[in-house]
N, C-alpha and C. Protein backbone atom coordinates (compact mmCIF):
# COMPACT_ATOMS: atom_id res chain seq x y z
N MET A 1 -18.69 -25.56 164.81
CA MET A 1 -19.59 -25.67 165.94
C MET A 1 -19.48 -27.07 166.52
N LYS A 2 -19.40 -27.13 167.82
CA LYS A 2 -19.30 -28.40 168.54
C LYS A 2 -20.70 -28.89 168.90
N ILE A 3 -20.93 -30.19 168.86
CA ILE A 3 -22.23 -30.78 169.21
C ILE A 3 -22.04 -31.68 170.43
N ASP A 4 -22.78 -31.39 171.50
CA ASP A 4 -22.76 -32.22 172.71
C ASP A 4 -24.10 -32.91 172.86
N TYR A 5 -24.06 -34.21 173.13
CA TYR A 5 -25.28 -35.00 173.34
C TYR A 5 -25.39 -35.35 174.82
N SER A 6 -26.59 -35.24 175.38
CA SER A 6 -26.81 -35.67 176.75
C SER A 6 -26.87 -37.20 176.80
N LYS A 7 -26.80 -37.76 177.99
CA LYS A 7 -26.88 -39.22 178.14
C LYS A 7 -28.21 -39.74 177.62
N ASP A 8 -29.29 -39.02 177.92
CA ASP A 8 -30.62 -39.44 177.46
C ASP A 8 -30.72 -39.47 175.95
N ALA A 9 -30.14 -38.46 175.30
CA ALA A 9 -30.19 -38.40 173.83
C ALA A 9 -29.40 -39.56 173.22
N LEU A 10 -28.21 -39.83 173.74
CA LEU A 10 -27.41 -40.95 173.22
C LEU A 10 -28.09 -42.28 173.46
N LYS A 11 -28.73 -42.43 174.61
CA LYS A 11 -29.43 -43.67 174.94
C LYS A 11 -30.59 -43.90 173.95
N TYR A 12 -31.31 -42.84 173.60
CA TYR A 12 -32.41 -42.96 172.65
C TYR A 12 -31.89 -43.36 171.27
N LEU A 13 -30.79 -42.75 170.85
CA LEU A 13 -30.23 -43.06 169.53
C LEU A 13 -29.75 -44.52 169.44
N GLU A 14 -29.22 -45.05 170.54
CA GLU A 14 -28.74 -46.44 170.54
C GLU A 14 -29.87 -47.43 170.31
N LYS A 15 -31.08 -47.08 170.72
CA LYS A 15 -32.23 -47.98 170.60
C LYS A 15 -32.87 -47.95 169.22
N GLN A 16 -32.53 -46.96 168.40
CA GLN A 16 -33.18 -46.78 167.10
C GLN A 16 -32.47 -47.56 166.00
N LYS A 17 -33.19 -47.77 164.91
CA LYS A 17 -32.61 -48.42 163.73
C LYS A 17 -31.64 -47.46 163.05
N LYS A 18 -30.71 -48.01 162.29
CA LYS A 18 -29.66 -47.21 161.65
C LYS A 18 -30.25 -46.14 160.72
N LYS A 19 -31.30 -46.49 159.99
CA LYS A 19 -31.93 -45.55 159.07
C LYS A 19 -32.50 -44.35 159.83
N SER A 20 -33.13 -44.62 160.97
CA SER A 20 -33.69 -43.54 161.79
C SER A 20 -32.59 -42.67 162.38
N VAL A 21 -31.52 -43.29 162.84
CA VAL A 21 -30.41 -42.54 163.43
C VAL A 21 -29.78 -41.63 162.38
N ASN A 22 -29.62 -42.12 161.17
CA ASN A 22 -29.06 -41.30 160.10
C ASN A 22 -29.95 -40.10 159.79
N ARG A 23 -31.25 -40.29 159.80
CA ARG A 23 -32.18 -39.19 159.54
C ARG A 23 -32.11 -38.15 160.66
N ILE A 24 -32.05 -38.60 161.90
CA ILE A 24 -31.97 -37.69 163.04
C ILE A 24 -30.64 -36.93 163.03
N ARG A 25 -29.55 -37.63 162.80
CA ARG A 25 -28.23 -36.97 162.78
C ARG A 25 -28.12 -35.98 161.62
N GLY A 26 -28.75 -36.28 160.50
CA GLY A 26 -28.76 -35.35 159.38
C GLY A 26 -29.49 -34.06 159.72
N ALA A 27 -30.60 -34.19 160.44
CA ALA A 27 -31.35 -33.01 160.86
C ALA A 27 -30.56 -32.20 161.88
N ILE A 28 -29.84 -32.88 162.77
CA ILE A 28 -29.01 -32.19 163.76
C ILE A 28 -27.88 -31.44 163.06
N ALA A 29 -27.33 -32.02 162.01
CA ALA A 29 -26.26 -31.35 161.25
C ALA A 29 -26.77 -30.05 160.64
N LYS A 30 -28.04 -30.02 160.23
CA LYS A 30 -28.61 -28.79 159.66
C LYS A 30 -28.76 -27.69 160.70
N LEU A 31 -28.79 -28.07 161.98
CA LEU A 31 -28.89 -27.07 163.05
C LEU A 31 -27.59 -26.28 163.21
N THR A 32 -26.49 -26.82 162.70
CA THR A 32 -25.20 -26.13 162.83
C THR A 32 -25.02 -25.05 161.77
N LYS A 33 -25.89 -25.02 160.78
CA LYS A 33 -25.80 -23.99 159.74
C LYS A 33 -26.25 -22.65 160.30
N ASN A 34 -25.89 -21.58 159.56
CA ASN A 34 -26.30 -20.26 160.00
C ASN A 34 -27.12 -19.62 158.89
N PRO A 35 -28.41 -19.45 158.98
CA PRO A 35 -29.29 -19.80 160.08
C PRO A 35 -29.64 -21.29 160.08
N PRO A 36 -30.04 -21.82 161.23
CA PRO A 36 -30.38 -23.25 161.33
C PRO A 36 -31.57 -23.59 160.43
N GLU A 37 -31.56 -24.80 159.90
CA GLU A 37 -32.64 -25.25 159.01
C GLU A 37 -33.52 -26.26 159.74
N GLY A 38 -34.80 -26.26 159.40
CA GLY A 38 -35.72 -27.25 159.95
C GLY A 38 -36.93 -26.58 160.57
N ASN A 39 -37.83 -27.41 161.06
CA ASN A 39 -39.03 -26.93 161.72
C ASN A 39 -38.68 -26.68 163.18
N ILE A 40 -38.24 -25.47 163.48
CA ILE A 40 -37.72 -25.12 164.80
C ILE A 40 -38.69 -24.15 165.47
N ALA A 41 -38.91 -24.37 166.77
CA ALA A 41 -39.77 -23.46 167.53
C ALA A 41 -39.22 -23.34 168.95
N PRO A 42 -39.35 -22.15 169.55
CA PRO A 42 -38.92 -22.01 170.95
C PRO A 42 -39.87 -22.77 171.86
N MET A 43 -39.34 -23.28 172.96
CA MET A 43 -40.17 -24.03 173.91
C MET A 43 -40.74 -23.07 174.94
N LYS A 44 -42.01 -23.17 175.17
CA LYS A 44 -42.68 -22.31 176.15
C LYS A 44 -42.39 -22.82 177.56
N GLY A 45 -42.25 -21.91 178.49
CA GLY A 45 -42.05 -22.28 179.88
C GLY A 45 -40.59 -22.40 180.29
N TYR A 46 -39.67 -22.21 179.36
CA TYR A 46 -38.24 -22.28 179.65
C TYR A 46 -37.60 -20.94 179.33
N THR A 47 -36.72 -20.49 180.20
CA THR A 47 -36.05 -19.21 179.98
C THR A 47 -34.59 -19.39 179.59
N ASP A 48 -34.15 -20.63 179.41
CA ASP A 48 -32.74 -20.88 179.09
C ASP A 48 -32.47 -21.00 177.59
N GLY A 49 -33.45 -20.67 176.75
CA GLY A 49 -33.24 -20.67 175.31
C GLY A 49 -33.46 -22.01 174.63
N ARG A 50 -34.16 -22.91 175.28
CA ARG A 50 -34.42 -24.22 174.67
C ARG A 50 -35.32 -24.08 173.45
N MET A 51 -35.02 -24.91 172.46
CA MET A 51 -35.81 -24.94 171.23
C MET A 51 -36.14 -26.40 170.94
N ARG A 52 -37.10 -26.60 170.05
CA ARG A 52 -37.41 -27.96 169.62
C ARG A 52 -37.35 -28.03 168.12
N LEU A 53 -36.85 -29.15 167.63
CA LEU A 53 -36.80 -29.43 166.20
C LEU A 53 -37.73 -30.59 165.93
N ARG A 54 -38.60 -30.43 164.95
CA ARG A 54 -39.55 -31.48 164.58
C ARG A 54 -39.01 -32.22 163.38
N ILE A 55 -38.93 -33.55 163.50
CA ILE A 55 -38.55 -34.42 162.39
C ILE A 55 -39.58 -35.54 162.35
N GLY A 56 -40.62 -35.37 161.57
CA GLY A 56 -41.69 -36.37 161.51
C GLY A 56 -42.30 -36.55 162.88
N GLY A 57 -42.24 -37.77 163.40
CA GLY A 57 -42.80 -38.07 164.72
C GLY A 57 -41.82 -37.88 165.86
N TRP A 58 -40.60 -37.48 165.55
CA TRP A 58 -39.59 -37.27 166.59
C TRP A 58 -39.46 -35.80 166.92
N ARG A 59 -38.99 -35.53 168.13
CA ARG A 59 -38.67 -34.17 168.54
C ARG A 59 -37.27 -34.18 169.15
N ILE A 60 -36.52 -33.14 168.84
CA ILE A 60 -35.18 -32.95 169.41
C ILE A 60 -35.22 -31.65 170.19
N ILE A 61 -34.87 -31.71 171.45
CA ILE A 61 -34.81 -30.52 172.28
C ILE A 61 -33.35 -30.12 172.38
N PHE A 62 -33.06 -28.86 172.07
CA PHE A 62 -31.68 -28.41 172.01
C PHE A 62 -31.57 -26.95 172.41
N LYS A 63 -30.34 -26.50 172.62
CA LYS A 63 -30.08 -25.08 172.81
C LYS A 63 -28.66 -24.79 172.36
N HIS A 64 -28.45 -23.54 171.95
CA HIS A 64 -27.13 -23.07 171.54
C HIS A 64 -26.48 -22.38 172.73
N ILE A 65 -25.21 -22.68 172.97
CA ILE A 65 -24.45 -22.03 174.03
C ILE A 65 -23.21 -21.41 173.40
N THR A 66 -22.98 -20.14 173.68
CA THR A 66 -21.80 -19.47 173.17
C THR A 66 -20.90 -19.11 174.34
N SER A 67 -19.69 -19.60 174.30
CA SER A 67 -18.70 -19.31 175.34
C SER A 67 -17.48 -18.73 174.66
N GLY A 68 -17.37 -17.42 174.70
CA GLY A 68 -16.27 -16.78 173.98
C GLY A 68 -16.50 -16.93 172.49
N LYS A 69 -15.53 -17.50 171.79
CA LYS A 69 -15.67 -17.72 170.35
C LYS A 69 -16.16 -19.12 170.03
N VAL A 70 -16.29 -19.97 171.05
CA VAL A 70 -16.72 -21.35 170.84
C VAL A 70 -18.24 -21.43 170.97
N GLU A 71 -18.86 -21.94 169.92
CA GLU A 71 -20.31 -22.12 169.93
C GLU A 71 -20.60 -23.62 170.02
N THR A 72 -21.49 -23.98 170.95
CA THR A 72 -21.83 -25.38 171.18
C THR A 72 -23.32 -25.59 170.99
N LEU A 73 -23.67 -26.67 170.30
CA LEU A 73 -25.06 -27.08 170.16
C LEU A 73 -25.28 -28.21 171.15
N CYS A 74 -26.10 -27.99 172.17
CA CYS A 74 -26.37 -29.00 173.18
C CYS A 74 -27.68 -29.71 172.85
N ILE A 75 -27.60 -31.00 172.59
CA ILE A 75 -28.79 -31.81 172.35
C ILE A 75 -29.23 -32.33 173.71
N ILE A 76 -30.32 -31.79 174.22
CA ILE A 76 -30.78 -32.11 175.57
C ILE A 76 -31.53 -33.43 175.59
N ASP A 77 -32.42 -33.63 174.63
CA ASP A 77 -33.21 -34.87 174.61
C ASP A 77 -33.75 -35.12 173.22
N ILE A 78 -33.98 -36.39 172.92
CA ILE A 78 -34.58 -36.83 171.67
C ILE A 78 -35.67 -37.83 172.03
N GLY A 79 -36.82 -37.73 171.40
CA GLY A 79 -37.87 -38.69 171.71
C GLY A 79 -39.04 -38.58 170.77
N ASN A 80 -40.03 -39.42 171.02
CA ASN A 80 -41.25 -39.43 170.23
C ASN A 80 -42.11 -38.23 170.59
N ARG A 81 -42.91 -37.82 169.66
CA ARG A 81 -43.74 -36.62 169.82
C ARG A 81 -44.57 -36.66 171.10
N GLY A 82 -45.18 -37.77 171.41
CA GLY A 82 -46.07 -37.85 172.57
C GLY A 82 -45.36 -37.96 173.89
N ASP A 83 -44.13 -38.44 173.90
CA ASP A 83 -43.43 -38.70 175.15
C ASP A 83 -42.41 -37.64 175.56
N ILE A 84 -41.92 -36.88 174.62
CA ILE A 84 -40.78 -36.00 174.87
C ILE A 84 -41.13 -34.85 175.81
N TYR A 85 -42.36 -34.37 175.80
CA TYR A 85 -42.72 -33.19 176.59
C TYR A 85 -43.12 -33.53 178.01
N LYS A 86 -43.15 -34.79 178.37
CA LYS A 86 -43.59 -35.19 179.72
C LYS A 86 -42.45 -35.09 180.70
């Protein structure tokens, strides 16, 4: 499975400490398993299949895209619990 990060997600990761980045990337790696692991819930108000992953005080917004036999995990945004939904 291929993982694509948006500009916003990469920008957020660059600002974080190495320990935090490792924890976030480890949780993202678990999303590539079948079935995905973690505290995952569908996002209300979106019809494109967006989901959110909870990691402590962080939230990762993502969706799975399947194009033929290639499956891609798109990381749309990463942020703090209070700011990510705005």
